C-alpha atoms as a PDB file:
ATOM      1  CA  MET A   1      13.190  52.116 -71.823  1.00  0.00           C
ATOM      2  CA  SER A   2      12.930  48.619 -73.059  1.00  0.00           C
ATOM      3  CA  THR A   3      10.762  45.619 -71.070  1.00  0.00           C
ATOM      4  CA  THR A   4      11.603  42.456 -71.273  1.00  0.00           C
ATOM      5  CA  PRO A   5       9.046  39.847 -69.584  1.00  0.00           C
ATOM      6  CA  LEU A   6      10.507  37.583 -67.207  1.00  0.00           C
ATOM      7  CA  PRO A   7       8.416  34.136 -67.591  1.00  0.00           C
ATOM      8  CA  GLY A   8       7.620  32.861 -63.863  1.00  0.00           C
ATOM      9  CA  ILE A   9       9.167  36.251 -62.178  1.00  0.00           C
ATOM     10  CA  GLY A  10       7.958  38.980 -63.750  1.00  0.00           C
ATOM     11  CA  VAL A  11       8.895  42.140 -66.089  1.00  0.00           C
ATOM     12  CA  ARG A  12      12.354  43.938 -66.431  1.00  0.00           C
ATOM     13  CA  TYR A  13      12.075  47.385 -67.176  1.00  0.00           C
ATOM     14  CA  ASP A  14      16.066  48.671 -68.313  1.00  0.00           C
ATOM     15  CA  LEU A  15      16.882  52.042 -68.414  1.00  0.00           C
ATOM     16  CA  THR A  16      19.869  53.987 -69.978  1.00  0.00           C
ATOM     17  CA  THR A  17      20.270  56.719 -68.074  1.00  0.00           C
ATOM     18  CA  ARG A  18      21.263  61.054 -69.610  1.00  0.00           C
ATOM     19  CA  GLU A  19      24.908  59.936 -67.820  1.00  0.00           C
ATOM     20  CA  HIS A  20      24.659  56.580 -69.714  1.00  0.00           C
ATOM     21  CA  ARG A  21      24.164  54.889 -66.823  1.00  0.00           C
ATOM     22  CA  GLN A  22      22.104  51.473 -67.222  1.00  0.00           C
ATOM     23  CA  LEU A  23      19.632  50.786 -64.497  1.00  0.00           C
ATOM     24  CA  SER A  24      17.192  47.906 -64.678  1.00  0.00           C
ATOM     25  CA  VAL A  25      14.337  47.065 -62.339  1.00  0.00           C
ATOM     26  CA  ILE A  26      12.711  43.899 -61.932  1.00  0.00           C
ATOM     27  CA  ALA A  27       8.516  43.872 -61.221  1.00  0.00           C
ATOM     28  CA  HIS A  28       8.318  40.619 -59.175  1.00  0.00           C
ATOM     29  CA  ARG A  29       4.727  39.014 -59.650  1.00  0.00           C
ATOM     30  CA  ASP A  30       4.600  39.561 -55.965  1.00  0.00           C
ATOM     31  CA  GLY A  31       4.458  43.548 -55.728  1.00  0.00           C
ATOM     32  CA  ALA A  32       8.293  43.237 -54.524  1.00  0.00           C
ATOM     33  CA  ARG A  33      10.867  45.037 -57.032  1.00  0.00           C
ATOM     34  CA  THR A  34      14.529  44.390 -57.444  1.00  0.00           C
ATOM     35  CA  VAL A  35      16.698  47.942 -58.548  1.00  0.00           C
ATOM     36  CA  ASN A  36      19.537  47.021 -60.333  1.00  0.00           C
ATOM     37  CA  VAL A  37      22.769  49.412 -60.913  1.00  0.00           C
ATOM     38  CA  TYR A  38      25.206  48.386 -63.483  1.00  0.00           C
ATOM     39  CA  GLN A  39      28.929  49.485 -63.359  1.00  0.00           C
ATOM     40  CA  ALA A  40      30.109  52.282 -65.798  1.00  0.00           C
ATOM     41  CA  ASP A  41      32.785  51.169 -67.245  1.00  0.00           C
ATOM     42  CA  ASP A  42      30.796  47.707 -67.849  1.00  0.00           C
ATOM     43  CA  PRO A  43      26.898  47.845 -68.817  1.00  0.00           C
ATOM     44  CA  ASP A  44      26.968  43.674 -68.165  1.00  0.00           C
ATOM     45  CA  ALA A  45      28.019  44.080 -64.441  1.00  0.00           C
ATOM     46  CA  CYS A  46      25.531  44.890 -61.657  1.00  0.00           C
ATOM     47  CA  ALA A  47      27.099  47.374 -58.833  1.00  0.00           C
ATOM     48  CA  GLN A  48      24.374  47.427 -56.910  1.00  0.00           C
ATOM     49  CA  SER A  49      21.162  45.429 -56.470  1.00  0.00           C
ATOM     50  CA  LEU A  50      18.429  46.506 -53.997  1.00  0.00           C
ATOM     51  CA  ARG A  51      15.309  44.318 -53.061  1.00  0.00           C
ATOM     52  CA  LEU A  52      12.464  46.494 -52.855  1.00  0.00           C
ATOM     53  CA  THR A  53       8.907  44.778 -50.846  1.00  0.00           C
ATOM     54  CA  GLY A  54       5.768  46.234 -52.334  1.00  0.00           C
ATOM     55  CA  PRO A  55       5.226  48.770 -49.553  1.00  0.00           C
ATOM     56  CA  GLU A  56       9.262  50.084 -49.990  1.00  0.00           C
ATOM     57  CA  ALA A  57       8.598  50.011 -53.481  1.00  0.00           C
ATOM     58  CA  ALA A  58       5.549  51.897 -53.029  1.00  0.00           C
ATOM     59  CA  SER A  59       7.245  54.695 -50.725  1.00  0.00           C
ATOM     60  CA  LEU A  60       9.887  55.133 -53.001  1.00  0.00           C
ATOM     61  CA  ILE A  61       7.927  55.736 -56.172  1.00  0.00           C
ATOM     62  CA  ASN A  62       5.847  58.322 -54.165  1.00  0.00           C
ATOM     63  CA  ALA A  63       9.576  59.882 -53.424  1.00  0.00           C
ATOM     64  CA  LEU A  64      10.203  59.833 -57.152  1.00  0.00           C
ATOM     65  CA  ALA A  65       7.300  61.122 -58.510  1.00  0.00           C
ATOM     66  CA  PRO A  66       7.265  65.357 -58.966  1.00  0.00           C
ATOM     67  CA  SER A  67       5.635  67.108 -55.973  1.00  0.00           C
ATOM     68  CA  HIS A  68       2.786  68.409 -58.269  1.00  0.00           C
ATOM     69  CA  HIS A  69       1.226  64.655 -58.599  1.00  0.00           C
ATOM     70  CA  SER A  70       0.898  65.385 -54.655  1.00  0.00           C
ATOM     71  CA  PRO A  71      -3.436  64.771 -53.568  1.00  0.00           C
ATOM     72  CA  ASN A  72      -2.706  67.278 -51.555  1.00  0.00           C
ATOM     73  CA  LEU A  73      -1.233  70.214 -54.081  1.00  0.00           C
ATOM     74  CA  LEU A  74      -4.316  71.726 -56.021  1.00  0.00           C
ATOM     75  CA  SER A  75      -2.359  73.751 -57.465  1.00  0.00           C
ATOM     76  CA  THR A  76       0.408  75.914 -58.563  1.00  0.00           C
ATOM     77  CA  THR A  77       1.551  79.432 -60.985  1.00  0.00           C
ATOM     78  CA  ASP A  78       3.977  80.952 -62.030  1.00  0.00           C
ATOM     79  CA  LEU A  79       3.715  83.112 -59.976  1.00  0.00           C
ATOM     80  CA  GLY A  80       5.969  80.877 -57.186  1.00  0.00           C
ATOM     81  CA  LEU A  81       1.975  80.484 -55.555  1.00  0.00           C
ATOM     82  CA  VAL A  82       0.759  76.933 -54.670  1.00  0.00           C
ATOM     83  CA  ALA A  83      -2.668  75.813 -53.169  1.00  0.00           C
ATOM     84  CA  GLU A  84      -2.348  73.135 -50.831  1.00  0.00           C
ATOM     85  CA  ARG A  85      -4.695  70.717 -48.137  1.00  0.00           C
ATOM     86  CA  ILE A  86      -3.871  70.449 -44.540  1.00  0.00           C
ATOM     87  CA  GLU A  87      -5.617  67.568 -42.290  1.00  0.00           C
ATOM     88  CA  LEU A  88      -5.999  69.200 -38.873  1.00  0.00           C
ATOM     89  CA  SER A  89      -5.338  65.759 -37.118  1.00  0.00           C
ATOM     90  CA  ALA A  90      -7.812  65.017 -33.530  1.00  0.00           C
ATOM     91  CA  VAL A  91      -4.806  65.849 -31.276  1.00  0.00           C
ATOM     92  CA  SER A  92      -3.521  69.106 -32.937  1.00  0.00           C
ATOM     93  CA  TYR A  93      -2.933  72.231 -30.553  1.00  0.00           C
ATOM     94  CA  TRP A  94      -5.754  73.957 -32.560  1.00  0.00           C
ATOM     95  CA  ASN A  95      -8.468  71.541 -32.462  1.00  0.00           C
ATOM     96  CA  GLY A  96     -10.997  73.508 -30.820  1.00  0.00           C
ATOM     97  CA  ARG A  97      -9.277  76.927 -31.313  1.00  0.00           C
ATOM     98  CA  VAL A  98     -10.310  80.015 -33.230  1.00  0.00           C
ATOM     99  CA  LEU A  99      -7.969  80.666 -37.093  1.00  0.00           C
ATOM    100  CA  GLY A 100      -6.592  83.612 -35.543  1.00  0.00           C
ATOM    101  CA  GLU A 101      -5.195  81.919 -32.527  1.00  0.00           C
ATOM    102  CA  THR A 102      -2.688  80.827 -35.131  1.00  0.00           C
ATOM    103  CA  ARG A 103      -1.532  83.738 -36.505  1.00  0.00           C
ATOM    104  CA  MET A 104      -1.254  81.929 -40.405  1.00  0.00           C
ATOM    105  CA  ARG A 105      -0.798  84.685 -42.400  1.00  0.00           C
ATOM    106  CA  THR A 106       1.325  86.933 -39.799  1.00  0.00           C
ATOM    107  CA  GLU A 107       3.767  84.171 -39.155  1.00  0.00           C
ATOM    108  CA  THR A 108       3.990  82.051 -42.757  1.00  0.00           C
ATOM    109  CA  GLY A 109       2.448  84.761 -45.352  1.00  0.00           C
ATOM    110  CA  ALA A 110      -0.189  82.111 -45.959  1.00  0.00           C
ATOM    111  CA  SER A 111      -3.659  82.449 -45.704  1.00  0.00           C
ATOM    112  CA  ILE A 112      -6.191  79.544 -45.042  1.00  0.00           C
ATOM    113  CA  VAL A 113      -8.662  80.462 -47.752  1.00  0.00           C
ATOM    114  CA  ALA A 114     -11.595  77.814 -46.875  1.00  0.00           C
ATOM    115  CA  VAL A 115     -12.005  74.883 -44.532  1.00  0.00           C
ATOM    116  CA  LEU A 116     -13.997  71.419 -45.907  1.00  0.00           C
ATOM    117  CA  ARG A 117     -15.675  70.104 -42.889  1.00  0.00           C
ATOM    118  CA  LEU A 118     -17.349  66.957 -43.531  1.00  0.00           C
ATOM    119  CA  ALA A 119     -19.719  67.074 -46.720  1.00  0.00           C
ATOM    120  CA  GLN A 120     -19.563  70.628 -46.693  1.00  0.00           C
ATOM    121  CA  ALA A 121     -17.663  74.008 -47.733  1.00  0.00           C
ATOM    122  CA  ILE A 122     -16.559  76.896 -45.440  1.00  0.00           C
ATOM    123  CA  PRO A 123     -15.138  79.112 -47.879  1.00  0.00           C
ATOM    124  CA  SER A 124     -12.917  82.750 -46.488  1.00  0.00           C
ATOM    125  CA  PRO A 125     -13.202  81.483 -42.851  1.00  0.00           C
ATOM    126  CA  THR A 126     -12.750  84.206 -40.327  1.00  0.00           C
ATOM    127  CA  PRO A 127     -10.413  84.834 -37.954  1.00  0.00           C
ATOM    128  CA  ASP A 128     -13.498  83.769 -35.059  1.00  0.00           C
ATOM    129  CA  PHE A 129     -14.074  80.664 -37.458  1.00  0.00           C
ATOM    130  CA  ARG A 130     -13.004  77.712 -34.914  1.00  0.00           C
ATOM    131  CA  LEU A 131     -11.193  74.952 -35.868  1.00  0.00           C
ATOM    132  CA  ALA A 132     -11.943  71.198 -35.457  1.00  0.00           C
ATOM    133  CA  GLY A 133     -10.072  67.851 -35.737  1.00  0.00           C
ATOM    134  CA  GLY A 134     -10.323  66.491 -38.985  1.00  0.00           C
ATOM    135  CA  ASP A 135     -10.723  69.918 -41.351  1.00  0.00           C
ATOM    136  CA  THR A 136      -9.140  69.834 -44.133  1.00  0.00           C
ATOM    137  CA  LEU A 137      -8.451  73.576 -45.001  1.00  0.00           C
ATOM    138  CA  ILE A 138      -7.108  75.055 -48.465  1.00  0.00           C
ATOM    139  CA  VAL A 139      -4.435  77.231 -47.230  1.00  0.00           C
ATOM    140  CA  ILE A 140      -2.368  79.139 -50.263  1.00  0.00           C
ATOM    141  CA  GLY A 141       1.102  81.337 -50.787  1.00  0.00           C
ATOM    142  CA  THR A 142       4.681  80.575 -51.054  1.00  0.00           C
ATOM    143  CA  ARG A 143       5.934  76.992 -50.903  1.00  0.00           C
ATOM    144  CA  GLU A 144       7.999  78.053 -48.195  1.00  0.00           C
ATOM    145  CA  GLY A 145       4.939  79.638 -47.314  1.00  0.00           C
ATOM    146  CA  VAL A 146       2.546  76.656 -46.887  1.00  0.00           C
ATOM    147  CA  GLU A 147       5.234  74.923 -45.483  1.00  0.00           C
ATOM    148  CA  ALA A 148       5.562  77.075 -42.666  1.00  0.00           C
ATOM    149  CA  ALA A 149       1.396  76.470 -42.135  1.00  0.00           C
ATOM    150  CA  ALA A 150       1.421  72.608 -42.480  1.00  0.00           C
ATOM    151  CA  THR A 151       4.367  72.796 -39.564  1.00  0.00           C
ATOM    152  CA  ILE A 152       1.833  75.306 -37.699  1.00  0.00           C
ATOM    153  CA  LEU A 153      -1.028  73.069 -38.285  1.00  0.00           C
ATOM    154  CA  GLY A 154       0.708  69.950 -37.414  1.00  0.00           C
ATOM    155  CA  ARG A 155       1.333  71.581 -33.584  1.00  0.00           C
ATOM    156  CA  GLU A 156       0.394  68.505 -31.217  1.00  0.00           C
END
């Protein structure tokens, strides 16, 4: 990657992909970004240019970041397990219900190993533990199991 200052505009970043395609991103001083893709047969001819607002660029950056950079993802192992933080919404169907009603382990194979509530951590909550909106549940299981748990916990 090479960097070129563009006085009065911002900075241009140029990248050549593994397939020898030329890309550039212009980081404008106002926070916007322009993404340019150049023609394969003529690296000086722009094939596509897309201007993004600052928030759009931030969303794209988040989409391009690997999943292990997710603030919710706690760890992964070579065994294929992940631990993730899942926040329970105040409008969740499970707000005020007991943990056992979710049938989480039976339905997903994932386990809720702790609950963070305000400044308190509740390790190994039992099936009669009452969930509350704003709780952050620490869920461990396979990627698929944790995603299924998030779907169940997101039910309104």
